[in-house]
Amino acid sequence: MERKAIPRWQATITYMIGRRPEQRIHEFEEMEELHMLVEQGPDWNFIVDFRIDLLRRQY
């Protein structure tokens, strides 16, 4: 059985779509994954805010 990695990072990206802001939240393990998540979203020219947080888990 394969163990699923626990996400280490969370990116909250806010896009201005028309007249309304739209947020997309992505959780991921390695920082190198972030560029593909941005590329999959709306056009990056519509990004108005970008926040990256380290997810601190209690073990």
N, C-alpha and C. Protein backbone atom coordinates (compact mmCIF):
# COMPACT_ATOMS: atom_id res chain seq x y z
N MET A 1 0.84 -1.17 0.00
CA MET A 1 0.00 0.00 0.00
C MET A 1 0.89 1.25 0.00
N GLU A 2 0.63 2.17 -0.91
CA GLU A 2 1.42 3.38 -1.05
C GLU A 2 0.90 4.45 -0.10
N ARG A 3 1.82 5.08 0.64
CA ARG A 3 1.43 6.16 1.54
C ARG A 3 1.35 7.47 0.77
N LYS A 4 0.30 8.20 0.99
CA LYS A 4 0.14 9.50 0.35
C LYS A 4 0.89 10.55 1.15
N ALA A 5 1.64 11.40 0.46
CA ALA A 5 2.41 12.45 1.12
C ALA A 5 1.46 13.47 1.75
N ILE A 6 1.83 13.92 2.93
CA ILE A 6 1.07 14.97 3.60
C ILE A 6 1.54 16.30 3.03
N PRO A 7 0.61 17.14 2.56
CA PRO A 7 1.01 18.42 1.99
C PRO A 7 1.79 19.27 2.99
N ARG A 8 2.86 19.89 2.52
CA ARG A 8 3.70 20.74 3.36
C ARG A 8 3.36 22.22 3.17
N TRP A 9 2.86 22.55 1.98
CA TRP A 9 2.60 23.94 1.62
C TRP A 9 1.15 24.13 1.18
N GLN A 10 0.68 25.38 1.34
CA GLN A 10 -0.63 25.75 0.83
C GLN A 10 -0.48 27.10 0.12
N ALA A 11 -0.93 27.15 -1.12
CA ALA A 11 -0.92 28.40 -1.89
C ALA A 11 -2.36 28.85 -2.07
N THR A 12 -2.61 30.10 -1.75
CA THR A 12 -3.91 30.71 -1.99
C THR A 12 -3.70 31.77 -3.05
N ILE A 13 -4.30 31.55 -4.22
CA ILE A 13 -4.13 32.45 -5.35
C ILE A 13 -5.45 33.14 -5.62
N THR A 14 -5.43 34.46 -5.68
CA THR A 14 -6.63 35.23 -5.97
C THR A 14 -6.51 35.80 -7.38
N TYR A 15 -7.51 35.50 -8.18
CA TYR A 15 -7.59 36.00 -9.56
C TYR A 15 -8.73 37.00 -9.65
N MET A 16 -8.59 38.00 -10.50
CA MET A 16 -9.70 38.91 -10.78
C MET A 16 -10.32 38.45 -12.08
N ILE A 17 -11.46 37.75 -11.94
CA ILE A 17 -12.18 37.21 -13.08
C ILE A 17 -13.39 38.11 -13.30
N GLY A 18 -13.35 38.90 -14.36
CA GLY A 18 -14.42 39.87 -14.57
C GLY A 18 -14.35 40.93 -13.48
N ARG A 19 -15.44 41.11 -12.77
CA ARG A 19 -15.48 42.11 -11.69
C ARG A 19 -15.39 41.48 -10.31
N ARG A 20 -15.23 40.16 -10.27
CA ARG A 20 -15.24 39.45 -8.98
C ARG A 20 -13.93 38.72 -8.74
N PRO A 21 -13.36 38.86 -7.55
CA PRO A 21 -12.17 38.06 -7.24
C PRO A 21 -12.56 36.60 -7.01
N GLU A 22 -11.68 35.72 -7.40
CA GLU A 22 -11.90 34.28 -7.23
C GLU A 22 -10.65 33.67 -6.63
N GLN A 23 -10.81 32.93 -5.53
CA GLN A 23 -9.67 32.30 -4.87
C GLN A 23 -9.59 30.82 -5.22
N ARG A 24 -8.37 30.38 -5.41
CA ARG A 24 -8.09 28.95 -5.58
C ARG A 24 -7.05 28.56 -4.54
N ILE A 25 -7.31 27.47 -3.85
CA ILE A 25 -6.40 26.99 -2.81
C ILE A 25 -5.80 25.66 -3.27
N HIS A 26 -4.48 25.59 -3.20
CA HIS A 26 -3.75 24.38 -3.60
C HIS A 26 -2.87 23.94 -2.44
N GLU A 27 -2.88 22.66 -2.14
CA GLU A 27 -1.96 22.09 -1.16
C GLU A 27 -1.01 21.16 -1.90
N PHE A 28 0.28 21.22 -1.53
CA PHE A 28 1.28 20.44 -2.25
C PHE A 28 2.46 20.15 -1.34
N GLU A 29 3.25 19.18 -1.73
CA GLU A 29 4.37 18.72 -0.91
C GLU A 29 5.66 19.48 -1.21
N GLU A 30 6.01 19.61 -2.47
CA GLU A 30 7.28 20.22 -2.86
C GLU A 30 7.05 21.54 -3.58
N MET A 31 7.86 22.53 -3.27
CA MET A 31 7.72 23.86 -3.87
C MET A 31 7.81 23.81 -5.40
N GLU A 32 8.54 22.85 -5.91
CA GLU A 32 8.69 22.74 -7.37
C GLU A 32 7.38 22.40 -8.08
N GLU A 33 6.37 21.95 -7.34
CA GLU A 33 5.05 21.64 -7.92
C GLU A 33 4.22 22.88 -8.18
N LEU A 34 4.58 23.99 -7.55
CA LEU A 34 3.75 25.18 -7.58
C LEU A 34 3.56 25.75 -8.99
N HIS A 35 4.61 25.76 -9.79
CA HIS A 35 4.47 26.37 -11.12
C HIS A 35 3.44 25.64 -11.98
N MET A 36 3.34 24.33 -11.83
CA MET A 36 2.34 23.59 -12.62
C MET A 36 0.92 23.90 -12.15
N LEU A 37 0.74 24.12 -10.86
CA LEU A 37 -0.57 24.49 -10.34
C LEU A 37 -1.00 25.86 -10.87
N VAL A 38 -0.06 26.79 -10.95
CA VAL A 38 -0.37 28.12 -11.49
C VAL A 38 -0.69 28.01 -12.98
N GLU A 39 0.06 27.21 -13.71
CA GLU A 39 -0.16 27.05 -15.14
C GLU A 39 -1.52 26.43 -15.46
N GLN A 40 -2.05 25.61 -14.56
CA GLN A 40 -3.34 24.96 -14.78
C GLN A 40 -4.52 25.89 -14.52
N GLY A 41 -4.29 26.96 -13.81
CA GLY A 41 -5.37 27.87 -13.43
C GLY A 41 -5.70 28.86 -14.54
N PRO A 42 -6.49 29.88 -14.20
CA PRO A 42 -6.75 30.95 -15.16
C PRO A 42 -5.44 31.62 -15.57
N ASP A 43 -5.49 32.42 -16.59
CA ASP A 43 -4.32 33.14 -17.08
C ASP A 43 -3.62 33.86 -15.92
N TRP A 44 -2.31 33.69 -15.80
CA TRP A 44 -1.59 34.26 -14.68
C TRP A 44 -1.61 35.79 -14.68
N ASN A 45 -1.96 36.41 -15.80
CA ASN A 45 -2.09 37.87 -15.85
C ASN A 45 -3.24 38.37 -14.99
N PHE A 46 -4.17 37.47 -14.60
CA PHE A 46 -5.31 37.85 -13.77
C PHE A 46 -5.04 37.67 -12.27
N ILE A 47 -3.83 37.25 -11.89
CA ILE A 47 -3.49 37.08 -10.48
C ILE A 47 -3.38 38.46 -9.82
N VAL A 48 -4.11 38.65 -8.70
CA VAL A 48 -4.03 39.90 -7.95
C VAL A 48 -3.41 39.70 -6.57
N ASP A 49 -3.36 38.45 -6.10
CA ASP A 49 -2.75 38.16 -4.80
C ASP A 49 -2.29 36.71 -4.80
N PHE A 50 -1.19 36.48 -4.12
CA PHE A 50 -0.59 35.15 -4.10
C PHE A 50 0.00 34.96 -2.71
N ARG A 51 -0.46 33.95 -1.99
CA ARG A 51 0.05 33.71 -0.64
C ARG A 51 0.47 32.25 -0.52
N ILE A 52 1.63 32.04 0.08
CA ILE A 52 2.13 30.69 0.31
C ILE A 52 2.35 30.53 1.81
N ASP A 53 1.76 29.47 2.38
CA ASP A 53 1.90 29.20 3.81
C ASP A 53 2.48 27.81 4.03
N LEU A 54 3.32 27.71 5.03
CA LEU A 54 3.83 26.42 5.48
C LEU A 54 2.77 25.81 6.39
N LEU A 55 2.35 24.59 6.08
CA LEU A 55 1.35 23.90 6.89
C LEU A 55 2.06 23.21 8.04
N ARG A 56 1.78 23.65 9.22
CA ARG A 56 2.39 23.06 10.41
C ARG A 56 1.43 22.03 10.97
N ARG A 57 1.82 20.80 10.93
CA ARG A 57 0.98 19.69 11.39
C ARG A 57 1.39 19.28 12.80
N GLN A 58 0.42 18.90 13.58
CA GLN A 58 0.69 18.34 14.91
C GLN A 58 0.85 16.83 14.76
N TYR A 59 1.93 16.28 15.23
CA TYR A 59 2.17 14.84 15.12
C TYR A 59 2.03 14.19 16.46
